[in-house]
């Protein structure tokens, strides 16, 4: 399945060819107030360990990637993401002025 998905993405087949499913820079998404499932591109600049989640700060501190601590065993050391450009796949939610994306598996947080 993963190989078929990667091939479809590379060839822009099916939904991977649709404009709504193309990766977007986080700044663009924040300016236009996009919500729902997105493919976002940004650079991780910080990591904070909290009780339930690890929070990764992305670009302009208006978006956080939330990784449940219970799922950390699936991921590489989260510190390896710092300074890297990533593609974040998931549902953008809003809490006040802050936006976040819940990521439960490394397939939703790809280093570019």
C-alpha atoms as a PDB file:
ATOM      1  CA  UNK A   1       0.000   0.000   0.000  1.00  0.00           C
ATOM      2  CA  UNK A   2       2.780   2.418   0.923  1.00  0.00           C
ATOM      3  CA  UNK A   3       4.566   1.816  -2.372  1.00  0.00           C
ATOM      4  CA  UNK A   4       1.330   2.424  -4.310  1.00  0.00           C
ATOM      5  CA  UNK A   5       0.734   5.646  -2.378  1.00  0.00           C
ATOM      6  CA  UNK A   6       4.267   6.903  -3.013  1.00  0.00           C
ATOM      7  CA  UNK A   7       3.950   6.135  -6.725  1.00  0.00           C
ATOM      8  CA  UNK A   8       0.570   7.894  -6.947  1.00  0.00           C
ATOM      9  CA  UNK A   9       2.012  10.934  -5.161  1.00  0.00           C
ATOM     10  CA  UNK A  10       5.052  11.083  -7.439  1.00  0.00           C
ATOM     11  CA  UNK A  11       2.841  10.885 -10.546  1.00  0.00           C
ATOM     12  CA  UNK A  12       0.101  13.158  -9.108  1.00  0.00           C
ATOM     13  CA  UNK A  13      -2.540  10.483  -9.642  1.00  0.00           C
ATOM     14  CA  UNK A  14      -6.010  10.530  -8.107  1.00  0.00           C
ATOM     15  CA  UNK A  15      -6.407  12.814  -5.115  1.00  0.00           C
ATOM     16  CA  UNK A  16      -2.631  13.419  -5.055  1.00  0.00           C
ATOM     17  CA  UNK A  17      -3.072  15.443  -8.254  1.00  0.00           C
ATOM     18  CA  UNK A  18      -5.813  17.660  -6.831  1.00  0.00           C
ATOM     19  CA  UNK A  19      -4.893  21.206  -5.753  1.00  0.00           C
ATOM     20  CA  UNK A  20      -6.439  20.744  -2.295  1.00  0.00           C
ATOM     21  CA  UNK A  21      -4.057  17.849  -1.575  1.00  0.00           C
ATOM     22  CA  UNK A  22      -0.833  19.592  -2.599  1.00  0.00           C
ATOM     23  CA  UNK A  23       1.549  20.547   0.222  1.00  0.00           C
ATOM     24  CA  UNK A  24       1.203  24.169   1.317  1.00  0.00           C
ATOM     25  CA  UNK A  25       3.525  26.438   3.252  1.00  0.00           C
ATOM     26  CA  UNK A  26       2.245  26.995   6.777  1.00  0.00           C
ATOM     27  CA  UNK A  27       2.231  30.782   6.362  1.00  0.00           C
ATOM     28  CA  UNK A  28      -0.179  30.444   3.424  1.00  0.00           C
ATOM     29  CA  UNK A  29      -2.518  28.229   5.403  1.00  0.00           C
ATOM     30  CA  UNK A  30      -2.515  30.568   8.398  1.00  0.00           C
ATOM     31  CA  UNK A  31      -3.193  33.651   6.263  1.00  0.00           C
ATOM     32  CA  UNK A  32      -6.161  32.040   4.521  1.00  0.00           C
ATOM     33  CA  UNK A  33      -7.444  30.297   7.673  1.00  0.00           C
ATOM     34  CA  UNK A  34      -7.518  26.812   6.154  1.00  0.00           C
ATOM     35  CA  UNK A  35      -8.791  24.081   8.426  1.00  0.00           C
ATOM     36  CA  UNK A  36      -9.455  20.391   7.987  1.00  0.00           C
ATOM     37  CA  UNK A  37      -6.997  17.852   6.617  1.00  0.00           C
ATOM     38  CA  UNK A  38      -3.885  19.474   5.152  1.00  0.00           C
ATOM     39  CA  UNK A  39      -0.406  18.731   3.873  1.00  0.00           C
ATOM     40  CA  UNK A  40       1.766  21.459   5.377  1.00  0.00           C
ATOM     41  CA  UNK A  41       5.418  22.334   4.863  1.00  0.00           C
ATOM     42  CA  UNK A  42       7.451  24.045   7.567  1.00  0.00           C
ATOM     43  CA  UNK A  43      10.610  23.893   9.629  1.00  0.00           C
ATOM     44  CA  UNK A  44      10.636  22.499  13.157  1.00  0.00           C
ATOM     45  CA  UNK A  45      12.422  24.869  15.533  1.00  0.00           C
ATOM     46  CA  UNK A  46      11.590  23.608  19.033  1.00  0.00           C
ATOM     47  CA  UNK A  47      10.413  20.629  21.073  1.00  0.00           C
ATOM     48  CA  UNK A  48       8.702  20.655  24.466  1.00  0.00           C
ATOM     49  CA  UNK A  49       7.902  17.577  26.519  1.00  0.00           C
ATOM     50  CA  UNK A  50       4.674  17.930  28.465  1.00  0.00           C
ATOM     51  CA  UNK A  51       2.690  15.408  30.498  1.00  0.00           C
ATOM     52  CA  UNK A  52       0.530  14.006  27.661  1.00  0.00           C
ATOM     53  CA  UNK A  53       2.147  15.340  24.490  1.00  0.00           C
ATOM     54  CA  UNK A  54       5.378  16.395  22.883  1.00  0.00           C
ATOM     55  CA  UNK A  55       4.888  19.745  21.160  1.00  0.00           C
ATOM     56  CA  UNK A  56       6.986  20.614  18.126  1.00  0.00           C
ATOM     57  CA  UNK A  57       7.039  24.308  17.241  1.00  0.00           C
ATOM     58  CA  UNK A  58       6.890  25.024  13.531  1.00  0.00           C
ATOM     59  CA  UNK A  59       7.905  28.194  11.668  1.00  0.00           C
ATOM     60  CA  UNK A  60       6.188  31.257  13.103  1.00  0.00           C
ATOM     61  CA  UNK A  61       5.046  29.761  16.436  1.00  0.00           C
ATOM     62  CA  UNK A  62       1.447  29.798  15.250  1.00  0.00           C
ATOM     63  CA  UNK A  63       1.381  26.052  14.626  1.00  0.00           C
ATOM     64  CA  UNK A  64       2.325  23.200  16.927  1.00  0.00           C
ATOM     65  CA  UNK A  65       2.626  19.531  16.068  1.00  0.00           C
ATOM     66  CA  UNK A  66       1.233  17.447  18.961  1.00  0.00           C
ATOM     67  CA  UNK A  67       2.575  13.920  19.363  1.00  0.00           C
ATOM     68  CA  UNK A  68       0.997  11.815  22.132  1.00  0.00           C
ATOM     69  CA  UNK A  69       3.725  10.594  24.482  1.00  0.00           C
ATOM     70  CA  UNK A  70       2.129   7.126  24.256  1.00  0.00           C
ATOM     71  CA  UNK A  71       3.077   7.090  20.550  1.00  0.00           C
ATOM     72  CA  UNK A  72       6.704   8.244  20.893  1.00  0.00           C
ATOM     73  CA  UNK A  73       8.037   4.694  20.463  1.00  0.00           C
ATOM     74  CA  UNK A  74       6.969   4.860  16.786  1.00  0.00           C
ATOM     75  CA  UNK A  75       9.069   7.985  16.138  1.00  0.00           C
ATOM     76  CA  UNK A  76      12.781   8.643  15.974  1.00  0.00           C
ATOM     77  CA  UNK A  77      14.123  10.889  18.744  1.00  0.00           C
ATOM     78  CA  UNK A  78      11.986  14.035  18.335  1.00  0.00           C
ATOM     79  CA  UNK A  79      15.096  16.212  18.720  1.00  0.00           C
ATOM     80  CA  UNK A  80      16.232  14.950  15.286  1.00  0.00           C
ATOM     81  CA  UNK A  81      13.369  16.963  13.719  1.00  0.00           C
ATOM     82  CA  UNK A  82      14.710  20.308  14.980  1.00  0.00           C
ATOM     83  CA  UNK A  83      16.057  22.451  12.155  1.00  0.00           C
ATOM     84  CA  UNK A  84      14.571  20.174   9.490  1.00  0.00           C
ATOM     85  CA  UNK A  85      11.952  21.030   6.906  1.00  0.00           C
ATOM     86  CA  UNK A  86       9.045  18.616   7.248  1.00  0.00           C
ATOM     87  CA  UNK A  87       5.738  17.792   5.650  1.00  0.00           C
ATOM     88  CA  UNK A  88       2.990  17.537   8.245  1.00  0.00           C
ATOM     89  CA  UNK A  89      -0.127  15.593   7.296  1.00  0.00           C
ATOM     90  CA  UNK A  90      -3.221  15.886   9.389  1.00  0.00           C
ATOM     91  CA  UNK A  91      -6.210  17.829  10.609  1.00  0.00           C
ATOM     92  CA  UNK A  92      -5.545  21.457  11.478  1.00  0.00           C
ATOM     93  CA  UNK A  93      -7.409  22.510  14.588  1.00  0.00           C
ATOM     94  CA  UNK A  94      -7.599  25.879  16.275  1.00  0.00           C
ATOM     95  CA  UNK A  95      -7.260  26.829  19.925  1.00  0.00           C
ATOM     96  CA  UNK A  96      -7.462  30.616  20.238  1.00  0.00           C
ATOM     97  CA  UNK A  97      -4.837  32.087  17.934  1.00  0.00           C
ATOM     98  CA  UNK A  98      -2.821  28.863  17.951  1.00  0.00           C
ATOM     99  CA  UNK A  99      -3.247  26.101  15.393  1.00  0.00           C
ATOM    100  CA  UNK A 100      -2.169  22.518  15.956  1.00  0.00           C
ATOM    101  CA  UNK A 101      -1.965  19.200  14.167  1.00  0.00           C
ATOM    102  CA  UNK A 102      -2.213  15.930  16.082  1.00  0.00           C
ATOM    103  CA  UNK A 103       0.312  13.403  14.704  1.00  0.00           C
ATOM    104  CA  UNK A 104       0.188   9.815  15.919  1.00  0.00           C
ATOM    105  CA  UNK A 105       2.544   8.139  13.452  1.00  0.00           C
ATOM    106  CA  UNK A 106       5.780   9.154  11.697  1.00  0.00           C
ATOM    107  CA  UNK A 107       4.086   8.702   8.301  1.00  0.00           C
ATOM    108  CA  UNK A 108       2.310  11.984   9.071  1.00  0.00           C
ATOM    109  CA  UNK A 109       5.558  13.856   9.816  1.00  0.00           C
ATOM    110  CA  UNK A 110       7.942  13.423   6.898  1.00  0.00           C
ATOM    111  CA  UNK A 111      11.399  14.971   6.683  1.00  0.00           C
ATOM    112  CA  UNK A 112      11.794  16.532   3.240  1.00  0.00           C
END
